[in-house]
Full PDB file with SEQRES, HELIX, SHEET, SSBOND, CRYST1, ORIGX, SCALE, CONECT and MASTER records, all heavy atoms in Angstrom:
SEQRES   1 A   43  GLU GLU ILE GLY ILE PHE PHE GLY ASN TRP ILE GLY GLU          
SEQRES   2 A   43  ILE LEU SER GLU ASN GLU GLU PHE SER THR VAL ASP PHE          
SEQRES   3 A   43  ILE LEU PRO VAL PRO ILE HIS ALA LYS LYS GLN LYS ILE          
SEQRES   4 A   43  ARG GLY TYR ASN                                              
HELIX    1 AA1 GLU A    2  ASN A   18  1                                  17    
HELIX    2 AA2 ALA A   34  ARG A   40  1                                   7    
CRYST1    1.000    1.000    1.000  90.00  90.00  90.00 P 1           1          
ORIGX1      1.000000  0.000000  0.000000        0.00000                         
ORIGX2      0.000000  1.000000  0.000000        0.00000                         
ORIGX3      0.000000  0.000000  1.000000        0.00000                         
SCALE1      1.000000  0.000000  0.000000        0.00000                         
SCALE2      0.000000  1.000000  0.000000        0.00000                         
SCALE3      0.000000  0.000000  1.000000        0.00000                         
ATOM      1  N   GLU A   1      14.764  58.491   7.435  1.00  0.00           N  
ATOM      2  CA  GLU A   1      15.163  57.259   8.123  1.00  0.00           C  
ATOM      3  C   GLU A   1      16.399  56.613   7.506  1.00  0.00           C  
ATOM      4  O   GLU A   1      17.046  55.764   8.139  1.00  0.00           O  
ATOM      5  CB  GLU A   1      14.007  56.267   8.124  1.00  0.00           C  
ATOM      6  CG  GLU A   1      12.828  56.683   8.995  1.00  0.00           C  
ATOM      7  CD  GLU A   1      11.779  55.596   9.079  1.00  0.00           C  
ATOM      8  OE1 GLU A   1      11.922  54.696   9.931  1.00  0.00           O  
ATOM      9  OE2 GLU A   1      10.834  55.634   8.266  1.00  0.00           O  
ATOM     10  N   GLU A   2      16.722  57.012   6.276  1.00  0.00           N  
ATOM     11  CA  GLU A   2      17.917  56.466   5.629  1.00  0.00           C  
ATOM     12  C   GLU A   2      19.183  56.803   6.419  1.00  0.00           C  
ATOM     13  O   GLU A   2      20.202  56.110   6.311  1.00  0.00           O  
ATOM     14  CB  GLU A   2      18.039  57.007   4.207  1.00  0.00           C  
ATOM     15  CG  GLU A   2      16.957  56.519   3.251  1.00  0.00           C  
ATOM     16  CD  GLU A   2      15.649  57.287   3.391  1.00  0.00           C  
ATOM     17  OE1 GLU A   2      15.626  58.267   4.166  1.00  0.00           O  
ATOM     18  OE2 GLU A   2      14.663  56.921   2.738  1.00  0.00           O  
ATOM     19  N   ILE A   3      19.127  57.872   7.214  1.00  0.00           N  
ATOM     20  CA  ILE A   3      20.277  58.228   8.051  1.00  0.00           C  
ATOM     21  C   ILE A   3      20.520  57.132   9.087  1.00  0.00           C  
ATOM     22  O   ILE A   3      21.669  56.794   9.392  1.00  0.00           O  
ATOM     23  CB  ILE A   3      20.047  59.596   8.725  1.00  0.00           C  
ATOM     24  CG1 ILE A   3      20.061  60.697   7.663  1.00  0.00           C  
ATOM     25  CG2 ILE A   3      21.107  59.876   9.796  1.00  0.00           C  
ATOM     26  CD1 ILE A   3      19.665  62.072   8.175  1.00  0.00           C  
ATOM     27  N   GLY A   4      19.458  56.555   9.614  1.00  0.00           N  
ATOM     28  CA  GLY A   4      19.599  55.441  10.553  1.00  0.00           C  
ATOM     29  C   GLY A   4      20.235  54.231   9.891  1.00  0.00           C  
ATOM     30  O   GLY A   4      21.061  53.533  10.491  1.00  0.00           O  
ATOM     31  N   ILE A   5      19.875  53.991   8.631  1.00  0.00           N  
ATOM     32  CA  ILE A   5      20.469  52.886   7.873  1.00  0.00           C  
ATOM     33  C   ILE A   5      21.958  53.145   7.651  1.00  0.00           C  
ATOM     34  O   ILE A   5      22.798  52.256   7.805  1.00  0.00           O  
ATOM     35  CB  ILE A   5      19.750  52.716   6.523  1.00  0.00           C  
ATOM     36  CG1 ILE A   5      18.287  52.331   6.740  1.00  0.00           C  
ATOM     37  CG2 ILE A   5      20.453  51.671   5.657  1.00  0.00           C  
ATOM     38  CD1 ILE A   5      17.459  52.310   5.475  1.00  0.00           C  
ATOM     39  N   PHE A   6      22.288  54.387   7.295  1.00  0.00           N  
ATOM     40  CA  PHE A   6      23.676  54.781   7.056  1.00  0.00           C  
ATOM     41  C   PHE A   6      24.541  54.519   8.290  1.00  0.00           C  
ATOM     42  O   PHE A   6      25.599  53.882   8.199  1.00  0.00           O  
ATOM     43  CB  PHE A   6      23.708  56.268   6.683  1.00  0.00           C  
ATOM     44  CG  PHE A   6      25.078  56.865   6.566  1.00  0.00           C  
ATOM     45  CD1 PHE A   6      25.881  56.602   5.471  1.00  0.00           C  
ATOM     46  CD2 PHE A   6      25.564  57.716   7.546  1.00  0.00           C  
ATOM     47  CE1 PHE A   6      27.139  57.164   5.350  1.00  0.00           C  
ATOM     48  CE2 PHE A   6      26.826  58.289   7.442  1.00  0.00           C  
ATOM     49  CZ  PHE A   6      27.622  58.003   6.345  1.00  0.00           C  
ATOM     50  N   PHE A   7      24.068  54.974   9.464  1.00  0.00           N  
ATOM     51  CA  PHE A   7      24.840  54.771  10.693  1.00  0.00           C  
ATOM     52  C   PHE A   7      24.810  53.315  11.143  1.00  0.00           C  
ATOM     53  O   PHE A   7      25.790  52.814  11.710  1.00  0.00           O  
ATOM     54  CB  PHE A   7      24.323  55.682  11.800  1.00  0.00           C  
ATOM     55  CG  PHE A   7      24.729  57.120  11.632  1.00  0.00           C  
ATOM     56  CD1 PHE A   7      23.787  58.140  11.689  1.00  0.00           C  
ATOM     57  CD2 PHE A   7      26.048  57.467  11.407  1.00  0.00           C  
ATOM     58  CE1 PHE A   7      24.156  59.463  11.539  1.00  0.00           C  
ATOM     59  CE2 PHE A   7      26.435  58.788  11.239  1.00  0.00           C  
ATOM     60  CZ  PHE A   7      25.482  59.789  11.310  1.00  0.00           C  
ATOM     61  N   GLY A   8      23.702  52.620  10.891  1.00  0.00           N  
ATOM     62  CA  GLY A   8      23.623  51.210  11.267  1.00  0.00           C  
ATOM     63  C   GLY A   8      24.638  50.371  10.523  1.00  0.00           C  
ATOM     64  O   GLY A   8      25.294  49.495  11.104  1.00  0.00           O  
ATOM     65  N   ASN A   9      24.789  50.646   9.225  1.00  0.00           N  
ATOM     66  CA  ASN A   9      25.778  49.903   8.440  1.00  0.00           C  
ATOM     67  C   ASN A   9      27.208  50.260   8.853  1.00  0.00           C  
ATOM     68  O   ASN A   9      28.081  49.391   8.948  1.00  0.00           O  
ATOM     69  CB  ASN A   9      25.572  50.185   6.955  1.00  0.00           C  
ATOM     70  CG  ASN A   9      24.367  49.462   6.383  1.00  0.00           C  
ATOM     71  OD1 ASN A   9      24.049  48.349   6.796  1.00  0.00           O  
ATOM     72  ND2 ASN A   9      23.674  50.086   5.443  1.00  0.00           N  
ATOM     73  N   TRP A  10      27.443  51.545   9.100  1.00  0.00           N  
ATOM     74  CA  TRP A  10      28.781  51.998   9.475  1.00  0.00           C  
ATOM     75  C   TRP A  10      29.202  51.396  10.817  1.00  0.00           C  
ATOM     76  O   TRP A  10      30.262  50.768  10.943  1.00  0.00           O  
ATOM     77  CB  TRP A  10      28.789  53.528   9.545  1.00  0.00           C  
ATOM     78  CG  TRP A  10      30.157  54.145   9.691  1.00  0.00           C  
ATOM     79  CD1 TRP A  10      31.337  53.505   9.952  1.00  0.00           C  
ATOM     80  CD2 TRP A  10      30.484  55.534   9.589  1.00  0.00           C  
ATOM     81  NE1 TRP A  10      32.373  54.407  10.037  1.00  0.00           N  
ATOM     82  CE2 TRP A  10      31.873  55.667   9.802  1.00  0.00           C  
ATOM     83  CE3 TRP A  10      29.720  56.683   9.350  1.00  0.00           C  
ATOM     84  CZ2 TRP A  10      32.515  56.902   9.795  1.00  0.00           C  
ATOM     85  CZ3 TRP A  10      30.368  57.913   9.326  1.00  0.00           C  
ATOM     86  CH2 TRP A  10      31.747  58.021   9.542  1.00  0.00           C  
ATOM     87  N   ILE A  11      28.358  51.568  11.829  1.00  0.00           N  
ATOM     88  CA  ILE A  11      28.692  51.045  13.156  1.00  0.00           C  
ATOM     89  C   ILE A  11      28.679  49.524  13.153  1.00  0.00           C  
ATOM     90  O   ILE A  11      29.511  48.886  13.813  1.00  0.00           O  
ATOM     91  CB  ILE A  11      27.710  51.604  14.214  1.00  0.00           C  
ATOM     92  CG1 ILE A  11      27.849  53.125  14.307  1.00  0.00           C  
ATOM     93  CG2 ILE A  11      27.965  50.962  15.579  1.00  0.00           C  
ATOM     94  CD1 ILE A  11      26.834  53.791  15.217  1.00  0.00           C  
ATOM     95  N   GLY A  12      27.749  48.935  12.411  1.00  0.00           N  
ATOM     96  CA  GLY A  12      27.688  47.481  12.349  1.00  0.00           C  
ATOM     97  C   GLY A  12      28.970  46.875  11.815  1.00  0.00           C  
ATOM     98  O   GLY A  12      29.451  45.856  12.312  1.00  0.00           O  
ATOM     99  N   GLU A  13      29.558  47.508  10.807  1.00  0.00           N  
ATOM    100  CA  GLU A  13      30.826  47.025  10.251  1.00  0.00           C  
ATOM    101  C   GLU A  13      31.954  47.144  11.278  1.00  0.00           C  
ATOM    102  O   GLU A  13      32.796  46.251  11.401  1.00  0.00           O  
ATOM    103  CB  GLU A  13      31.172  47.815   8.999  1.00  0.00           C  
ATOM    104  CG  GLU A  13      30.281  47.485   7.806  1.00  0.00           C  
ATOM    105  CD  GLU A  13      30.575  48.356   6.598  1.00  0.00           C  
ATOM    106  OE1 GLU A  13      31.530  49.166   6.682  1.00  0.00           O  
ATOM    107  OE2 GLU A  13      29.868  48.227   5.580  1.00  0.00           O  
ATOM    108  N   ILE A  14      31.966  48.250  12.022  1.00  0.00           N  
ATOM    109  CA  ILE A  14      32.998  48.447  13.042  1.00  0.00           C  
ATOM    110  C   ILE A  14      32.918  47.356  14.099  1.00  0.00           C  
ATOM    111  O   ILE A  14      33.924  46.735  14.472  1.00  0.00           O  
ATOM    112  CB  ILE A  14      32.843  49.832  13.707  1.00  0.00           C  
ATOM    113  CG1 ILE A  14      33.166  50.943  12.704  1.00  0.00           C  
ATOM    114  CG2 ILE A  14      33.747  49.951  14.941  1.00  0.00           C  
ATOM    115  CD1 ILE A  14      32.870  52.337  13.228  1.00  0.00           C  
ATOM    116  N   LEU A  15      31.717  47.108  14.601  1.00  0.00           N  
ATOM    117  CA  LEU A  15      31.549  46.161  15.700  1.00  0.00           C  
ATOM    118  C   LEU A  15      31.720  44.712  15.261  1.00  0.00           C  
ATOM    119  O   LEU A  15      32.231  43.888  16.018  1.00  0.00           O  
ATOM    120  CB  LEU A  15      30.169  46.344  16.340  1.00  0.00           C  
ATOM    121  CG  LEU A  15      29.892  47.727  16.942  1.00  0.00           C  
ATOM    122  CD1 LEU A  15      28.543  47.727  17.664  1.00  0.00           C  
ATOM    123  CD2 LEU A  15      30.998  48.150  17.908  1.00  0.00           C  
ATOM    124  N   SER A  16      31.317  44.402  14.036  1.00  0.00           N  
ATOM    125  CA  SER A  16      31.435  43.019  13.568  1.00  0.00           C  
ATOM    126  C   SER A  16      32.880  42.633  13.304  1.00  0.00           C  
ATOM    127  O   SER A  16      33.240  41.455  13.331  1.00  0.00           O  
ATOM    128  CB  SER A  16      30.608  42.815  12.301  1.00  0.00           C  
ATOM    129  OG  SER A  16      31.065  43.644  11.246  1.00  0.00           O  
ATOM    130  N   GLU A  17      33.732  43.631  13.084  1.00  0.00           N  
ATOM    131  CA  GLU A  17      35.138  43.356  12.791  1.00  0.00           C  
ATOM    132  C   GLU A  17      35.973  43.097  14.043  1.00  0.00           C  
ATOM    133  O   GLU A  17      36.991  42.408  13.984  1.00  0.00           O  
ATOM    134  CB  GLU A  17      35.751  44.515  12.003  1.00  0.00           C  
ATOM    135  CG  GLU A  17      35.254  44.587  10.557  1.00  0.00           C  
ATOM    136  CD  GLU A  17      35.793  45.798   9.824  1.00  0.00           C  
ATOM    137  OE1 GLU A  17      36.522  46.599  10.459  1.00  0.00           O  
ATOM    138  OE2 GLU A  17      35.492  45.958   8.623  1.00  0.00           O  
ATOM    139  N   ASN A  18      35.576  43.666  15.189  1.00  0.00           N  
ATOM    140  CA  ASN A  18      36.411  43.507  16.383  1.00  0.00           C  
ATOM    141  C   ASN A  18      35.817  42.577  17.441  1.00  0.00           C  
ATOM    142  O   ASN A  18      36.458  42.314  18.459  1.00  0.00           O  
ATOM    143  CB  ASN A  18      36.713  44.868  17.024  1.00  0.00           C  
ATOM    144  CG  ASN A  18      35.449  45.613  17.410  1.00  0.00           C  
ATOM    145  OD1 ASN A  18      34.473  45.012  17.838  1.00  0.00           O  
ATOM    146  ND2 ASN A  18      35.461  46.922  17.265  1.00  0.00           N  
ATOM    147  N   GLU A  19      34.598  42.122  17.228  1.00  0.00           N  
ATOM    148  CA  GLU A  19      33.948  41.126  18.089  1.00  0.00           C  
ATOM    149  C   GLU A  19      33.730  41.600  19.525  1.00  0.00           C  
ATOM    150  O   GLU A  19      33.467  40.792  20.412  1.00  0.00           O  
ATOM    151  CB  GLU A  19      34.751  39.812  18.093  1.00  0.00           C  
ATOM    152  CG  GLU A  19      34.834  39.146  16.732  1.00  0.00           C  
ATOM    153  CD  GLU A  19      35.499  37.791  16.784  1.00  0.00           C  
ATOM    154  OE1 GLU A  19      36.089  37.453  17.826  1.00  0.00           O  
ATOM    155  OE2 GLU A  19      35.425  37.071  15.781  1.00  0.00           O  
ATOM    156  N   GLU A  20      33.834  42.894  19.760  1.00  0.00           N  
ATOM    157  CA  GLU A  20      33.621  43.405  21.115  1.00  0.00           C  
ATOM    158  C   GLU A  20      32.188  43.154  21.598  1.00  0.00           C  
ATOM    159  O   GLU A  20      31.948  43.000  22.786  1.00  0.00           O  
ATOM    160  CB  GLU A  20      33.930  44.900  21.171  1.00  0.00           C  
ATOM    161  CG  GLU A  20      35.402  45.238  21.230  1.00  0.00           C  
ATOM    162  CD  GLU A  20      36.034  44.901  22.578  1.00  0.00           C  
ATOM    163  OE1 GLU A  20      35.291  44.739  23.556  1.00  0.00           O  
ATOM    164  OE2 GLU A  20      37.266  44.798  22.627  1.00  0.00           O  
ATOM    165  N   PHE A  21      31.244  43.137  20.667  1.00  0.00           N  
ATOM    166  CA  PHE A  21      29.856  42.933  21.044  1.00  0.00           C  
ATOM    167  C   PHE A  21      29.348  41.563  20.591  1.00  0.00           C  
ATOM    168  O   PHE A  21      28.165  41.364  20.409  1.00  0.00           O  
ATOM    169  CB  PHE A  21      28.989  44.046  20.447  1.00  0.00           C  
ATOM    170  CG  PHE A  21      29.185  45.389  21.118  1.00  0.00           C  
ATOM    171  CD1 PHE A  21      30.269  46.188  20.788  1.00  0.00           C  
ATOM    172  CD2 PHE A  21      28.307  45.833  22.080  1.00  0.00           C  
ATOM    173  CE1 PHE A  21      30.459  47.413  21.398  1.00  0.00           C  
ATOM    174  CE2 PHE A  21      28.484  47.061  22.701  1.00  0.00           C  
ATOM    175  CZ  PHE A  21      29.557  47.852  22.361  1.00  0.00           C  
ATOM    176  N   SER A  22      30.262  40.629  20.439  1.00  0.00           N  
ATOM    177  CA  SER A  22      29.897  39.301  19.929  1.00  0.00           C  
ATOM    178  C   SER A  22      29.068  38.494  20.930  1.00  0.00           C  
ATOM    179  O   SER A  22      28.421  37.512  20.541  1.00  0.00           O  
ATOM    180  CB  SER A  22      31.162  38.518  19.548  1.00  0.00           C  
ATOM    181  OG  SER A  22      31.991  38.325  20.682  1.00  0.00           O  
ATOM    182  N   THR A  23      29.080  38.872  22.196  1.00  0.00           N  
ATOM    183  CA  THR A  23      28.324  38.113  23.208  1.00  0.00           C  
ATOM    184  C   THR A  23      26.903  38.638  23.381  1.00  0.00           C  
ATOM    185  O   THR A  23      26.147  38.109  24.196  1.00  0.00           O  
ATOM    186  CB  THR A  23      29.037  38.170  24.572  1.00  0.00           C  
ATOM    187  OG1 THR A  23      29.095  39.531  25.024  1.00  0.00           O  
ATOM    188  CG2 THR A  23      30.444  37.611  24.473  1.00  0.00           C  
ATOM    189  N   VAL A  24      26.533  39.674  22.631  1.00  0.00           N  
ATOM    190  CA  VAL A  24      25.184  40.227  22.747  1.00  0.00           C  
ATOM    191  C   VAL A  24      24.157  39.218  22.235  1.00  0.00           C  
ATOM    192  O   VAL A  24      24.311  38.642  21.164  1.00  0.00           O  
ATOM    193  CB  VAL A  24      25.070  41.553  21.952  1.00  0.00           C  
ATOM    194  CG1 VAL A  24      23.617  42.001  21.845  1.00  0.00           C  
ATOM    195  CG2 VAL A  24      25.899  42.639  22.615  1.00  0.00           C  
ATOM    196  N   ASP A  25      23.101  39.024  23.026  1.00  0.00           N  
ATOM    197  CA  ASP A  25      22.046  38.074  22.656  1.00  0.00           C  
ATOM    198  C   ASP A  25      20.861  38.747  21.982  1.00  0.00           C  
ATOM    199  O   ASP A  25      20.196  38.144  21.139  1.00  0.00           O  
ATOM    200  CB  ASP A  25      21.548  37.336  23.906  1.00  0.00           C  
ATOM    201  CG  ASP A  25      22.630  36.499  24.559  1.00  0.00           C  
ATOM    202  OD1 ASP A  25      23.103  35.548  23.906  1.00  0.00           O  
ATOM    203  OD2 ASP A  25      23.006  36.799  25.712  1.00  0.00           O  
ATOM    204  N   PHE A  26      20.585  40.013  22.379  1.00  0.00           N  
ATOM    205  CA  PHE A  26      19.452  40.738  21.807  1.00  0.00           C  
ATOM    206  C   PHE A  26      19.783  42.220  21.672  1.00  0.00           C  
ATOM    207  O   PHE A  26      20.534  42.774  22.484  1.00  0.00           O  
ATOM    208  CB  PHE A  26      18.204  40.610  22.697  1.00  0.00           C  
ATOM    209  CG  PHE A  26      17.675  39.216  22.837  1.00  0.00           C  
ATOM    210  CD1 PHE A  26      17.952  38.467  23.972  1.00  0.00           C  
ATOM    211  CD2 PHE A  26      16.897  38.646  21.840  1.00  0.00           C  
ATOM    212  CE1 PHE A  26      17.459  37.186  24.114  1.00  0.00           C  
ATOM    213  CE2 PHE A  26      16.399  37.357  21.970  1.00  0.00           C  
ATOM    214  CZ  PHE A  26      16.684  36.620  23.103  1.00  0.00           C  
ATOM    215  N   ILE A  27      19.223  42.843  20.641  1.00  0.00           N  
ATOM    216  CA  ILE A  27      19.312  44.284  20.452  1.00  0.00           C  
ATOM    217  C   ILE A  27      17.943  44.872  20.757  1.00  0.00           C  
ATOM    218  O   ILE A  27      16.928  44.413  20.228  1.00  0.00           O  
ATOM    219  CB  ILE A  27      19.727  44.650  19.017  1.00  0.00           C  
ATOM    220  CG1 ILE A  27      21.082  44.029  18.684  1.00  0.00           C  
ATOM    221  CG2 ILE A  27      19.771  46.164  18.834  1.00  0.00           C  
ATOM    222  CD1 ILE A  27      21.455  44.130  17.209  1.00  0.00           C  
ATOM    223  N   LEU A  28      17.915  45.885  21.617  1.00  0.00           N  
ATOM    224  CA  LEU A  28      16.654  46.439  22.085  1.00  0.00           C  
ATOM    225  C   LEU A  28      16.656  47.952  21.898  1.00  0.00           C  
ATOM    226  O   LEU A  28      17.537  48.642  22.421  1.00  0.00           O  
ATOM    227  CB  LEU A  28      16.475  46.095  23.571  1.00  0.00           C  
ATOM    228  CG  LEU A  28      15.077  46.101  24.171  1.00  0.00           C  
ATOM    229  CD1 LEU A  28      14.218  45.032  23.523  1.00  0.00           C  
ATOM    230  CD2 LEU A  28      15.167  45.870  25.673  1.00  0.00           C  
ATOM    231  N   PRO A  29      15.698  48.518  21.161  1.00  0.00           N  
ATOM    232  CA  PRO A  29      15.668  49.969  20.975  1.00  0.00           C  
ATOM    233  C   PRO A  29      15.029  50.677  22.157  1.00  0.00           C  
ATOM    234  O   PRO A  29      14.127  50.127  22.812  1.00  0.00           O  
ATOM    235  CB  PRO A  29      14.797  50.134  19.726  1.00  0.00           C  
ATOM    236  CG  PRO A  29      13.815  48.996  19.824  1.00  0.00           C  
ATOM    237  CD  PRO A  29      14.612  47.844  20.420  1.00  0.00           C  
ATOM    238  N   VAL A  30      15.481  51.889  22.452  1.00  0.00           N  
ATOM    239  CA  VAL A  30      14.746  52.726  23.394  1.00  0.00           C  
ATOM    240  C   VAL A  30      13.418  53.063  22.725  1.00  0.00           C  
ATOM    241  O   VAL A  30      13.394  53.629  21.635  1.00  0.00           O  
ATOM    242  CB  VAL A  30      15.521  54.019  23.720  1.00  0.00           C  
ATOM    243  CG1 VAL A  30      14.638  54.993  24.498  1.00  0.00           C  
ATOM    244  CG2 VAL A  30      16.772  53.695  24.519  1.00  0.00           C  
ATOM    245  N   PRO A  31      12.294  52.694  23.347  1.00  0.00           N  
ATOM    246  CA  PRO A  31      11.003  52.925  22.692  1.00  0.00           C  
ATOM    247  C   PRO A  31      10.543  54.372  22.837  1.00  0.00           C  
ATOM    248  O   PRO A  31      10.942  55.076  23.765  1.00  0.00           O  
ATOM    249  CB  PRO A  31      10.066  51.986  23.460  1.00  0.00           C  
ATOM    250  CG  PRO A  31      10.666  51.906  24.829  1.00  0.00           C  
ATOM    251  CD  PRO A  31      12.164  51.987  24.637  1.00  0.00           C  
ATOM    252  N   ILE A  32       9.729  54.818  21.895  1.00  0.00           N  
ATOM    253  CA  ILE A  32       9.050  56.093  22.049  1.00  0.00           C  
ATOM    254  C   ILE A  32       7.595  55.784  22.384  1.00  0.00           C  
ATOM    255  O   ILE A  32       7.096  54.690  22.119  1.00  0.00           O  
ATOM    256  CB  ILE A  32       9.156  56.975  20.789  1.00  0.00           C  
ATOM    257  CG1 ILE A  32       8.489  56.318  19.575  1.00  0.00           C  
ATOM    258  CG2 ILE A  32      10.610  57.282  20.481  1.00  0.00           C  
ATOM    259  CD1 ILE A  32       8.486  57.195  18.343  1.00  0.00           C  
ATOM    260  N   HIS A  33       6.913  56.748  22.992  1.00  0.00           N  
ATOM    261  CA  HIS A  33       5.525  56.513  23.399  1.00  0.00           C  
ATOM    262  C   HIS A  33       4.654  56.272  22.175  1.00  0.00           C  
ATOM    263  O   HIS A  33       4.888  56.839  21.097  1.00  0.00           O  
ATOM    264  CB  HIS A  33       5.012  57.720  24.190  1.00  0.00           C  
ATOM    265  CG  HIS A  33       3.727  57.447  24.913  1.00  0.00           C  
ATOM    266  ND1 HIS A  33       2.490  57.639  24.322  1.00  0.00           N  
ATOM    267  CD2 HIS A  33       3.484  56.992  26.167  1.00  0.00           C  
ATOM    268  CE1 HIS A  33       1.544  57.327  25.187  1.00  0.00           C  
ATOM    269  NE2 HIS A  33       2.117  56.922  26.312  1.00  0.00           N  
ATOM    270  N   ALA A  34       3.634  55.433  22.338  1.00  0.00           N  
ATOM    271  CA  ALA A  34       2.761  55.060  21.221  1.00  0.00           C  
ATOM    272  C   ALA A  34       2.126  56.281  20.559  1.00  0.00           C  
ATOM    273  O   ALA A  34       1.987  56.335  19.331  1.00  0.00           O  
ATOM    274  CB  ALA A  34       1.674  54.101  21.711  1.00  0.00           C  
ATOM    275  N   LYS A  35       1.751  57.281  21.356  1.00  0.00           N  
ATOM    276  CA  LYS A  35       1.138  58.483  20.790  1.00  0.00           C  
ATOM    277  C   LYS A  35       2.136  59.246  19.924  1.00  0.00           C  
ATOM    278  O   LYS A  35       1.802  59.723  18.840  1.00  0.00           O  
ATOM    279  CB  LYS A  35       0.608  59.384  21.905  1.00  0.00           C  
ATOM    280  CG  LYS A  35      -0.607  58.823  22.635  1.00  0.00           C  
ATOM    281  CD  LYS A  35      -1.100  59.796  23.702  1.00  0.00           C  
ATOM    282  CE  LYS A  35      -2.327  59.248  24.414  1.00  0.00           C  
ATOM    283  NZ  LYS A  35      -2.801  60.175  25.483  1.00  0.00           N  
ATOM    284  N   LYS A  36       3.367  59.353  20.413  1.00  0.00           N  
ATOM    285  CA  LYS A  36       4.393  60.061  19.646  1.00  0.00           C  
ATOM    286  C   LYS A  36       4.739  59.290  18.372  1.00  0.00           C  
ATOM    287  O   LYS A  36       4.952  59.897  17.323  1.00  0.00           O  
ATOM    288  CB  LYS A  36       5.639  60.280  20.502  1.00  0.00           C  
ATOM    289  CG  LYS A  36       6.732  61.064  19.792  1.00  0.00           C  
ATOM    290  CD  LYS A  36       7.917  61.326  20.710  1.00  0.00           C  
ATOM    291  CE  LYS A  36       7.600  62.362  21.765  1.00  0.00           C  
ATOM    292  NZ  LYS A  36       8.800  62.730  22.561  1.00  0.00           N  
ATOM    293  N   GLN A  37       4.789  57.971  18.474  1.00  0.00           N  
ATOM    294  CA  GLN A  37       5.110  57.181  17.287  1.00  0.00           C  
ATOM    295  C   GLN A  37       3.992  57.291  16.247  1.00  0.00           C  
ATOM    296  O   GLN A  37       4.259  57.308  15.039  1.00  0.00           O  
ATOM    297  CB  GLN A  37       5.344  55.720  17.659  1.00  0.00           C  
ATOM    298  CG  GLN A  37       5.713  54.857  16.463  1.00  0.00           C  
ATOM    299  CD  GLN A  37       6.542  53.639  16.837  1.00  0.00           C  
ATOM    300  OE1 GLN A  37       7.164  53.588  17.888  1.00  0.00           O  
ATOM    301  NE2 GLN A  37       6.562  52.656  15.969  1.00  0.00           N  
ATOM    302  N   LYS A  38       2.762  57.389  16.711  1.00  0.00           N  
ATOM    303  CA  LYS A  38       1.643  57.530  15.778  1.00  0.00           C  
ATOM    304  C   LYS A  38       1.741  58.854  15.021  1.00  0.00           C  
ATOM    305  O   LYS A  38       1.482  58.921  13.816  1.00  0.00           O  
ATOM    306  CB  LYS A  38       0.318  57.447  16.527  1.00  0.00           C  
ATOM    307  CG  LYS A  38      -0.897  57.460  15.618  1.00  0.00           C  
ATOM    308  CD  LYS A  38      -2.182  57.280  16.413  1.00  0.00           C  
ATOM    309  CE  LYS A  38      -3.396  57.254  15.482  1.00  0.00           C  
ATOM    310  NZ  LYS A  38      -4.665  57.059  16.239  1.00  0.00           N  
ATOM    311  N   ILE A  39       2.142  59.906  15.742  1.00  0.00           N  
ATOM    312  CA  ILE A  39       2.282  61.218  15.109  1.00  0.00           C  
ATOM    313  C   ILE A  39       3.475  61.238  14.154  1.00  0.00           C  
ATOM    314  O   ILE A  39       3.375  61.690  13.016  1.00  0.00           O  
ATOM    315  CB  ILE A  39       2.445  62.315  16.187  1.00  0.00           C  
ATOM    316  CG1 ILE A  39       1.149  62.433  17.007  1.00  0.00           C  
ATOM    317  CG2 ILE A  39       2.782  63.664  15.536  1.00  0.00           C  
ATOM    318  CD1 ILE A  39       1.295  63.326  18.220  1.00  0.00           C  
ATOM    319  N   ARG A  40       4.621  60.746  14.638  1.00  0.00           N  
ATOM    320  CA  ARG A  40       5.842  60.766  13.834  1.00  0.00           C  
ATOM    321  C   ARG A  40       5.827  59.716  12.740  1.00  0.00           C  
ATOM    322  O   ARG A  40       6.381  59.912  11.657  1.00  0.00           O  
ATOM    323  CB  ARG A  40       7.062  60.558  14.745  1.00  0.00           C  
ATOM    324  CG  ARG A  40       8.396  60.703  14.047  1.00  0.00           C  
ATOM    325  CD  ARG A  40       9.551  60.449  15.005  1.00  0.00           C  
ATOM    326  NE  ARG A  40       9.617  61.432  16.067  1.00  0.00           N  
ATOM    327  CZ  ARG A  40      10.431  61.357  17.112  1.00  0.00           C  
ATOM    328  NH1 ARG A  40      11.250  60.319  17.212  1.00  0.00           N  
ATOM    329  NH2 ARG A  40      10.417  62.283  18.038  1.00  0.00           N  
ATOM    330  N   GLY A  41       5.217  58.580  13.046  1.00  0.00           N  
ATOM    331  CA  GLY A  41       5.117  57.510  12.061  1.00  0.00           C  
ATOM    332  C   GLY A  41       6.208  56.459  12.156  1.00  0.00           C  
ATOM    333  O   GLY A  41       6.158  55.452  11.451  1.00  0.00           O  
ATOM    334  N   TYR A  42       7.175  56.660  13.037  1.00  0.00           N  
ATOM    335  CA  TYR A  42       8.288  55.712  13.141  1.00  0.00           C  
ATOM    336  C   TYR A  42       9.101  55.992  14.400  1.00  0.00           C  
ATOM    337  O   TYR A  42       9.035  57.085  14.969  1.00  0.00           O  
ATOM    338  CB  TYR A  42       9.204  55.813  11.924  1.00  0.00           C  
ATOM    339  CG  TYR A  42       9.858  57.183  11.758  1.00  0.00           C  
ATOM    340  CD1 TYR A  42      11.153  57.427  12.221  1.00  0.00           C  
ATOM    341  CD2 TYR A  42       9.176  58.242  11.154  1.00  0.00           C  
ATOM    342  CE1 TYR A  42      11.736  58.672  12.087  1.00  0.00           C  
ATOM    343  CE2 TYR A  42       9.751  59.492  11.012  1.00  0.00           C  
ATOM    344  CZ  TYR A  42      11.032  59.707  11.486  1.00  0.00           C  
ATOM    345  OH  TYR A  42      11.611  60.948  11.361  1.00  0.00           O  
ATOM    346  N   ASN A  43       9.853  54.993  14.826  1.00  0.00           N  
ATOM    347  CA  ASN A  43      10.869  55.168  15.859  1.00  0.00           C  
ATOM    348  C   ASN A  43      12.188  55.390  15.130  1.00  0.00           C  
ATOM    349  O   ASN A  43      12.573  54.584  14.275  1.00  0.00           O  
ATOM    350  CB  ASN A  43      10.950  53.928  16.759  1.00  0.00           C  
ATOM    351  CG  ASN A  43      11.975  54.074  17.881  1.00  0.00           C  
ATOM    352  OD1 ASN A  43      12.940  54.824  17.783  1.00  0.00           O  
ATOM    353  ND2 ASN A  43      11.772  53.336  18.956  1.00  0.00           N  
TER     354      ASN A  43                                                      
MASTER        0    0    0    2    0    0    0    6  353    1    0    4          
END                                                                             
């Protein structure tokens, strides 16, 4: 999951610098099914 953190910080820095997504009110993940998340342990 650290790979998600790595890309989150990288992309987050890009977007926070140019304000292209400054009007976003909420961030919403594509969900995985509850059964799959139980098996995998995470989204």
